[in-house]
């Protein structure tokens, strides 16, 4: 092998190595989590451990204090207490479907509204539509 061929071979190997190195850096955003625990669909954006500057996912909920139920308006899922555990479902059990009553609408950064349940339970007690004037209460039809 002559000296010119050896230089060309080394050049090709260097270019191939560099292009392979940079080709492995691409990522695809967005994901969906499902499972037996309380993981649900995740909105597009950066991972939770490294949010982009100024970016926070917002989740909008209806909270029905009469029966301790949350409804995620965007994802169309319910969060409800079953014994001591919170459940997530596209529908409610028959025992909860009738008479959800009035609800309050609020926004949170969390995809698990029940983490603030004790605070919501104290702030929005059942039957207090007129007493809490700062809340955006709505009567169910």
N, C-alpha and C. Protein backbone atom coordinates (compact mmCIF):
# COMPACT_ATOMS: atom_id res chain seq x y z
N UNK A 1 0.85 -1.18 0.00
CA UNK A 1 0.00 0.00 0.00
C UNK A 1 0.90 1.24 0.00
N UNK A 2 0.58 2.18 -0.86
CA UNK A 2 1.44 3.35 -0.91
C UNK A 2 0.98 4.41 0.10
N UNK A 3 1.76 5.42 0.23
CA UNK A 3 1.55 6.47 1.22
C UNK A 3 0.26 7.26 0.96
N UNK A 4 -0.12 7.53 -0.25
CA UNK A 4 -1.33 8.28 -0.62
C UNK A 4 -2.58 7.50 -0.23
N UNK A 5 -2.59 6.21 -0.52
CA UNK A 5 -3.74 5.37 -0.16
C UNK A 5 -3.92 5.30 1.35
N UNK A 6 -2.84 5.21 2.07
CA UNK A 6 -2.90 5.15 3.53
C UNK A 6 -3.49 6.45 4.10
N UNK A 7 -3.09 7.60 3.56
CA UNK A 7 -3.64 8.89 4.00
C UNK A 7 -5.13 8.97 3.72
N UNK A 8 -5.55 8.51 2.55
CA UNK A 8 -6.99 8.52 2.20
C UNK A 8 -7.78 7.62 3.15
N UNK A 9 -7.26 6.45 3.43
CA UNK A 9 -7.93 5.51 4.33
C UNK A 9 -8.08 6.10 5.73
N UNK A 10 -7.04 6.73 6.23
CA UNK A 10 -7.10 7.36 7.55
C UNK A 10 -8.10 8.52 7.54
N UNK A 11 -8.13 9.31 6.48
CA UNK A 11 -9.08 10.42 6.38
C UNK A 11 -10.51 9.92 6.38
N UNK A 12 -10.78 8.86 5.62
CA UNK A 12 -12.12 8.29 5.57
C UNK A 12 -12.52 7.76 6.95
N UNK A 13 -11.64 7.10 7.64
CA UNK A 13 -11.94 6.57 8.97
C UNK A 13 -12.22 7.70 9.97
N UNK A 14 -11.47 8.78 9.88
CA UNK A 14 -11.70 9.91 10.79
C UNK A 14 -13.06 10.55 10.50
N UNK A 15 -13.38 10.77 9.24
CA UNK A 15 -14.68 11.36 8.88
C UNK A 15 -15.82 10.45 9.32
N UNK A 16 -15.67 9.15 9.10
CA UNK A 16 -16.70 8.19 9.50
C UNK A 16 -16.87 8.21 11.03
N UNK A 17 -15.80 8.25 11.79
CA UNK A 17 -15.86 8.27 13.26
C UNK A 17 -16.57 9.52 13.75
N UNK A 18 -16.23 10.67 13.17
CA UNK A 18 -16.85 11.93 13.60
C UNK A 18 -18.33 11.95 13.26
N UNK A 19 -18.69 11.51 12.06
CA UNK A 19 -20.11 11.52 11.68
C UNK A 19 -20.92 10.54 12.53
N UNK A 20 -20.36 9.41 12.87
CA UNK A 20 -21.03 8.45 13.75
C UNK A 20 -21.22 9.03 15.14
N UNK A 21 -20.23 9.74 15.63
CA UNK A 21 -20.32 10.36 16.96
C UNK A 21 -21.47 11.35 17.02
N UNK A 22 -21.59 12.22 16.02
CA UNK A 22 -22.65 13.23 16.02
C UNK A 22 -24.02 12.67 15.67
N UNK A 23 -24.09 11.61 14.93
CA UNK A 23 -25.38 11.01 14.57
C UNK A 23 -26.07 10.41 15.78
N UNK A 24 -25.34 10.02 16.80
CA UNK A 24 -25.93 9.41 17.98
C UNK A 24 -26.50 10.40 18.97
N UNK A 25 -26.49 11.69 18.67
CA UNK A 25 -26.94 12.71 19.62
C UNK A 25 -28.40 13.09 19.46
N UNK A 26 -29.11 12.57 18.50
CA UNK A 26 -30.51 12.96 18.26
C UNK A 26 -31.42 12.33 19.30
N UNK A 27 -32.43 13.08 19.74
CA UNK A 27 -33.43 12.57 20.67
C UNK A 27 -34.81 12.89 20.15
N UNK A 28 -35.79 12.18 20.64
CA UNK A 28 -37.17 12.41 20.26
C UNK A 28 -37.94 12.73 21.53
N UNK A 29 -38.70 13.81 21.55
CA UNK A 29 -39.41 14.24 22.76
C UNK A 29 -40.79 13.63 22.87
N UNK A 30 -41.37 13.76 24.05
CA UNK A 30 -42.73 13.29 24.30
C UNK A 30 -42.75 11.81 24.62
N UNK A 31 -43.65 11.43 25.53
CA UNK A 31 -43.77 10.03 25.87
C UNK A 31 -45.12 9.78 26.51
N UNK A 32 -45.48 8.52 26.61
CA UNK A 32 -46.72 8.12 27.27
C UNK A 32 -46.38 7.01 28.23
N UNK A 33 -46.83 7.14 29.46
CA UNK A 33 -46.59 6.11 30.45
C UNK A 33 -47.92 5.47 30.83
N UNK A 34 -47.95 4.16 30.88
CA UNK A 34 -49.14 3.47 31.36
C UNK A 34 -48.67 2.37 32.29
N UNK A 35 -49.55 1.91 33.11
CA UNK A 35 -49.17 0.84 34.01
C UNK A 35 -50.19 0.66 35.09
N UNK A 36 -49.88 -0.21 36.02
CA UNK A 36 -50.83 -0.51 37.08
C UNK A 36 -50.80 0.52 38.19
N UNK A 37 -49.75 1.33 38.26
CA UNK A 37 -49.72 2.37 39.29
C UNK A 37 -50.42 3.61 38.75
N UNK A 38 -50.21 4.77 39.35
CA UNK A 38 -50.96 5.96 38.98
C UNK A 38 -50.27 6.80 37.91
N UNK A 39 -49.41 6.20 37.08
CA UNK A 39 -48.80 6.95 35.99
C UNK A 39 -49.82 7.13 34.88
N UNK A 40 -49.79 8.30 34.25
CA UNK A 40 -50.72 8.61 33.18
C UNK A 40 -49.97 9.25 32.03
N UNK A 41 -50.69 9.63 30.99
CA UNK A 41 -50.05 10.24 29.82
C UNK A 41 -49.27 11.48 30.23
N UNK A 42 -48.11 11.63 29.66
CA UNK A 42 -47.24 12.76 29.97
C UNK A 42 -47.29 13.75 28.81
N UNK A 43 -47.43 15.02 29.12
CA UNK A 43 -47.44 16.04 28.08
C UNK A 43 -46.05 16.19 27.49
N UNK A 44 -46.00 16.65 26.23
CA UNK A 44 -44.71 16.89 25.59
C UNK A 44 -43.95 17.96 26.34
N UNK A 45 -42.65 17.87 26.32
CA UNK A 45 -41.81 18.85 26.98
C UNK A 45 -40.59 18.17 27.57
N UNK A 46 -39.82 18.92 28.30
CA UNK A 46 -38.61 18.34 28.89
C UNK A 46 -38.96 17.35 29.99
N UNK A 47 -38.03 16.48 30.36
CA UNK A 47 -38.30 15.54 31.46
C UNK A 47 -38.48 16.29 32.77
N UNK A 48 -39.18 15.68 33.70
CA UNK A 48 -39.51 16.33 34.98
C UNK A 48 -38.27 16.73 35.76
N UNK A 49 -37.20 15.96 35.65
CA UNK A 49 -35.98 16.27 36.42
C UNK A 49 -35.18 17.42 35.81
N UNK A 50 -35.51 17.86 34.60
CA UNK A 50 -34.75 18.93 33.96
C UNK A 50 -35.68 19.83 33.14
N UNK A 51 -36.61 20.54 33.80
CA UNK A 51 -37.53 21.38 33.02
C UNK A 51 -36.80 22.52 32.32
N UNK A 52 -37.29 22.88 31.16
CA UNK A 52 -36.71 24.00 30.42
C UNK A 52 -36.94 25.28 31.20
N UNK A 53 -36.08 26.25 30.99
CA UNK A 53 -36.19 27.52 31.68
C UNK A 53 -37.56 28.14 31.44
N UNK A 54 -38.30 28.38 32.50
CA UNK A 54 -39.61 29.02 32.39
C UNK A 54 -40.73 28.09 31.98
N UNK A 55 -40.46 26.83 31.67
CA UNK A 55 -41.50 25.91 31.22
C UNK A 55 -42.00 25.07 32.39
N UNK A 56 -43.28 25.08 32.59
CA UNK A 56 -43.92 24.21 33.57
C UNK A 56 -45.22 23.73 32.95
N UNK A 57 -45.40 22.44 32.97
CA UNK A 57 -46.66 21.89 32.48
C UNK A 57 -47.78 22.32 33.41
N UNK A 58 -48.89 22.71 32.85
CA UNK A 58 -50.05 23.11 33.64
C UNK A 58 -51.15 22.10 33.41
N UNK A 59 -51.76 21.67 34.48
CA UNK A 59 -52.87 20.74 34.42
C UNK A 59 -54.08 21.43 35.02
N UNK A 60 -55.20 21.31 34.34
CA UNK A 60 -56.43 21.95 34.80
C UNK A 60 -57.38 20.87 35.32
N UNK A 61 -57.89 21.09 36.52
CA UNK A 61 -58.73 20.10 37.18
C UNK A 61 -60.06 20.70 37.62
N UNK A 62 -61.05 19.81 37.69
CA UNK A 62 -62.29 20.08 38.41
C UNK A 62 -62.19 19.26 39.69
N UNK A 63 -62.49 19.89 40.81
CA UNK A 63 -62.49 19.17 42.08
C UNK A 63 -63.91 19.18 42.60
N UNK A 64 -64.47 17.99 42.85
CA UNK A 64 -65.82 17.82 43.38
C UNK A 64 -65.71 17.49 44.87
N UNK A 65 -65.86 18.48 45.75
CA UNK A 65 -65.63 18.24 47.18
C UNK A 65 -66.64 17.30 47.83
N UNK A 66 -67.85 17.23 47.31
CA UNK A 66 -68.86 16.38 47.93
C UNK A 66 -68.48 14.90 47.90
N UNK A 67 -67.68 14.50 46.93
CA UNK A 67 -67.31 13.09 46.82
C UNK A 67 -65.80 12.88 46.66
N UNK A 68 -64.99 13.92 46.89
CA UNK A 68 -63.52 13.82 46.81
C UNK A 68 -63.05 13.26 45.46
N UNK A 69 -63.52 13.88 44.39
CA UNK A 69 -63.17 13.44 43.03
C UNK A 69 -62.50 14.59 42.29
N UNK A 70 -61.44 14.27 41.55
CA UNK A 70 -60.79 15.22 40.65
C UNK A 70 -61.05 14.75 39.22
N UNK A 71 -61.24 15.71 38.33
CA UNK A 71 -61.35 15.40 36.91
C UNK A 71 -60.32 16.22 36.16
N UNK A 72 -59.43 15.55 35.42
CA UNK A 72 -58.42 16.24 34.61
C UNK A 72 -59.09 16.61 33.29
N UNK A 73 -59.26 17.90 33.05
CA UNK A 73 -60.01 18.40 31.91
C UNK A 73 -59.34 18.03 30.59
N UNK A 74 -58.01 18.12 30.52
CA UNK A 74 -57.31 17.84 29.26
C UNK A 74 -57.19 16.34 28.96
N UNK A 75 -56.85 15.57 29.97
CA UNK A 75 -56.63 14.14 29.76
C UNK A 75 -57.90 13.32 29.88
N UNK A 76 -58.98 13.93 30.35
CA UNK A 76 -60.28 13.27 30.49
C UNK A 76 -60.21 12.02 31.37
N UNK A 77 -59.58 12.17 32.54
CA UNK A 77 -59.51 11.07 33.51
C UNK A 77 -59.94 11.58 34.88
N UNK A 78 -60.47 10.65 35.66
CA UNK A 78 -60.91 10.94 37.03
C UNK A 78 -59.90 10.37 38.02
N UNK A 79 -59.76 11.06 39.14
CA UNK A 79 -58.99 10.58 40.28
C UNK A 79 -59.98 10.52 41.44
N UNK A 80 -60.09 9.37 42.08
CA UNK A 80 -61.04 9.23 43.18
C UNK A 80 -60.48 8.31 44.25
N UNK A 81 -60.98 8.52 45.46
CA UNK A 81 -60.56 7.70 46.59
C UNK A 81 -61.33 6.38 46.60
N UNK A 82 -60.59 5.30 46.77
CA UNK A 82 -61.21 3.99 46.95
C UNK A 82 -60.55 3.40 48.18
N UNK A 83 -61.25 3.49 49.30
CA UNK A 83 -60.64 3.13 50.57
C UNK A 83 -59.61 4.18 50.94
N UNK A 84 -58.36 3.76 51.12
CA UNK A 84 -57.28 4.70 51.43
C UNK A 84 -56.42 5.01 50.21
N UNK A 85 -56.75 4.43 49.07
CA UNK A 85 -55.93 4.59 47.87
C UNK A 85 -56.63 5.44 46.82
N UNK A 86 -55.83 6.20 46.08
CA UNK A 86 -56.34 6.98 44.97
C UNK A 86 -56.31 6.13 43.71
N UNK A 87 -57.39 6.19 42.96
CA UNK A 87 -57.51 5.46 41.70
C UNK A 87 -57.63 6.46 40.56
N UNK A 88 -57.23 6.03 39.37
CA UNK A 88 -57.37 6.84 38.17
C UNK A 88 -58.14 6.01 37.15
N UNK A 89 -59.09 6.67 36.47
CA UNK A 89 -59.93 5.94 35.53
C UNK A 89 -60.56 6.91 34.54
N UNK A 90 -60.92 6.38 33.38
CA UNK A 90 -61.64 7.18 32.38
C UNK A 90 -63.09 7.38 32.79
N UNK A 91 -63.60 6.55 33.66
CA UNK A 91 -64.96 6.67 34.16
C UNK A 91 -64.98 6.48 35.67
N UNK A 92 -66.12 6.80 36.25
CA UNK A 92 -66.27 6.67 37.70
C UNK A 92 -67.09 5.43 38.04
N UNK A 93 -66.88 4.86 39.22
CA UNK A 93 -67.75 3.77 39.67
C UNK A 93 -69.18 4.29 39.80
N UNK A 94 -70.15 3.39 39.68
CA UNK A 94 -71.57 3.77 39.77
C UNK A 94 -71.89 4.55 41.03
N UNK A 95 -71.24 4.21 42.13
CA UNK A 95 -71.53 4.87 43.40
C UNK A 95 -71.15 6.35 43.38
N UNK A 96 -70.23 6.75 42.50
CA UNK A 96 -69.79 8.15 42.45
C UNK A 96 -70.40 8.93 41.27
N UNK A 97 -70.96 8.25 40.30
CA UNK A 97 -71.46 8.93 39.10
C UNK A 97 -72.64 9.85 39.38
N UNK A 98 -73.50 9.44 40.26
CA UNK A 98 -74.71 10.21 40.53
C UNK A 98 -74.40 11.33 41.51
N UNK A 99 -74.76 12.53 41.16
CA UNK A 99 -74.67 13.66 42.08
C UNK A 99 -73.27 14.05 42.49
N UNK A 100 -72.41 14.32 41.54
CA UNK A 100 -71.08 14.81 41.90
C UNK A 100 -71.17 16.16 42.60
N UNK A 101 -72.21 16.91 42.29
CA UNK A 101 -72.42 18.21 42.94
C UNK A 101 -71.59 19.31 42.33
N UNK A 102 -71.46 20.39 43.08
CA UNK A 102 -70.70 21.54 42.58
C UNK A 102 -69.21 21.22 42.55
N UNK A 103 -68.50 21.97 41.72
CA UNK A 103 -67.06 21.75 41.62
C UNK A 103 -66.35 23.08 41.49
N UNK A 104 -65.08 23.05 41.80
CA UNK A 104 -64.21 24.21 41.65
C UNK A 104 -63.16 23.85 40.60
N UNK A 105 -62.79 24.83 39.78
CA UNK A 105 -61.79 24.63 38.73
C UNK A 105 -60.50 25.29 39.18
N UNK A 106 -59.39 24.57 39.06
CA UNK A 106 -58.10 25.15 39.39
C UNK A 106 -57.02 24.54 38.51
N UNK A 107 -55.86 25.17 38.53
CA UNK A 107 -54.72 24.75 37.72
C UNK A 107 -53.56 24.39 38.64
N UNK A 108 -52.81 23.35 38.26
CA UNK A 108 -51.67 22.91 39.04
C UNK A 108 -50.52 22.55 38.12
N UNK A 109 -49.30 22.49 38.68
CA UNK A 109 -48.13 22.02 37.95
C UNK A 109 -48.03 20.50 37.99
N UNK A 110 -48.77 19.86 38.87
CA UNK A 110 -48.64 18.43 39.09
C UNK A 110 -49.67 17.63 38.30
N UNK A 111 -49.29 16.42 37.88
CA UNK A 111 -50.23 15.53 37.21
C UNK A 111 -50.91 14.60 38.22
N UNK A 112 -50.71 14.87 39.51
CA UNK A 112 -51.35 14.10 40.58
C UNK A 112 -52.01 15.06 41.57
N UNK A 113 -53.21 15.50 41.28
CA UNK A 113 -53.85 16.53 42.11
C UNK A 113 -54.09 16.08 43.55
N UNK A 114 -54.22 14.79 43.76
CA UNK A 114 -54.51 14.28 45.10
C UNK A 114 -53.36 14.48 46.08
N UNK A 115 -52.19 14.84 45.59
CA UNK A 115 -51.08 15.15 46.52
C UNK A 115 -51.41 16.37 47.38
N UNK A 116 -52.30 17.25 46.91
CA UNK A 116 -52.75 18.42 47.66
C UNK A 116 -54.16 18.23 48.22
N UNK A 117 -54.59 16.99 48.32
CA UNK A 117 -55.98 16.71 48.73
C UNK A 117 -56.35 17.33 50.07
N UNK A 118 -55.49 17.20 51.07
CA UNK A 118 -55.83 17.75 52.39
C UNK A 118 -56.03 19.26 52.32
N UNK A 119 -55.20 19.94 51.58
CA UNK A 119 -55.34 21.38 51.38
C UNK A 119 -56.65 21.70 50.65
N UNK A 120 -56.96 20.96 49.59
CA UNK A 120 -58.20 21.19 48.85
C UNK A 120 -59.42 20.89 49.70
N UNK A 121 -59.33 19.84 50.50
CA UNK A 121 -60.46 19.45 51.35
C UNK A 121 -60.79 20.56 52.36
N UNK A 122 -59.74 21.21 52.89
CA UNK A 122 -59.96 22.29 53.85
C UNK A 122 -60.39 23.59 53.16
N UNK A 123 -59.82 23.85 52.01
CA UNK A 123 -60.09 25.11 51.30
C UNK A 123 -61.46 25.11 50.62
N UNK A 124 -61.91 23.94 50.15
CA UNK A 124 -63.19 23.83 49.43
C UNK A 124 -64.08 22.78 50.07
N UNK A 125 -64.62 23.05 51.25
CA UNK A 125 -65.50 22.06 51.89
C UNK A 125 -66.81 21.91 51.12
N UNK A 126 -67.42 20.75 51.17
CA UNK A 126 -68.69 20.53 50.46
C UNK A 126 -69.77 21.52 50.90
N UNK A 127 -70.57 21.99 49.95
CA UNK A 127 -71.69 22.89 50.25
C UNK A 127 -71.30 24.32 50.53
N UNK A 128 -70.10 24.73 50.20
CA UNK A 128 -69.64 26.08 50.52
C UNK A 128 -69.55 26.98 49.29
N UNK A 129 -70.41 26.80 48.32
CA UNK A 129 -70.38 27.54 47.07
C UNK A 129 -70.31 29.04 47.27
N UNK A 130 -71.16 29.58 48.11
CA UNK A 130 -71.25 31.04 48.26
C UNK A 130 -70.25 31.60 49.26
N UNK A 131 -69.76 30.79 50.17
CA UNK A 131 -68.88 31.29 51.22
C UNK A 131 -67.47 31.60 50.72
N UNK A 132 -66.97 30.83 49.78
CA UNK A 132 -65.62 31.03 49.28
C UNK A 132 -65.69 31.83 47.97
N UNK A 133 -65.66 33.16 48.08
CA UNK A 133 -65.86 34.02 46.92
C UNK A 133 -64.64 34.08 46.00
N UNK A 134 -63.46 33.69 46.48
CA UNK A 134 -62.26 33.72 45.64
C UNK A 134 -62.18 32.51 44.70
N UNK A 135 -62.93 31.47 44.99
CA UNK A 135 -62.88 30.26 44.18
C UNK A 135 -63.82 30.38 42.99
N UNK A 136 -63.47 29.69 41.93
CA UNK A 136 -64.29 29.66 40.72
C UNK A 136 -65.19 28.43 40.80
N UNK A 137 -66.30 28.56 41.52
CA UNK A 137 -67.23 27.45 41.72
C UNK A 137 -68.21 27.37 40.57
N UNK A 138 -68.58 26.16 40.23
CA UNK A 138 -69.56 25.94 39.19
C UNK A 138 -70.51 24.85 39.67
N UNK A 139 -71.81 25.08 39.48
CA UNK A 139 -72.79 24.07 39.85
C UNK A 139 -72.94 23.06 38.72
N UNK A 140 -72.94 21.78 39.06
CA UNK A 140 -73.17 20.75 38.05
C UNK A 140 -74.63 20.78 37.66
N UNK A 141 -74.87 20.37 36.43
CA UNK A 141 -76.26 20.33 35.95
C UNK A 141 -76.86 18.99 36.14
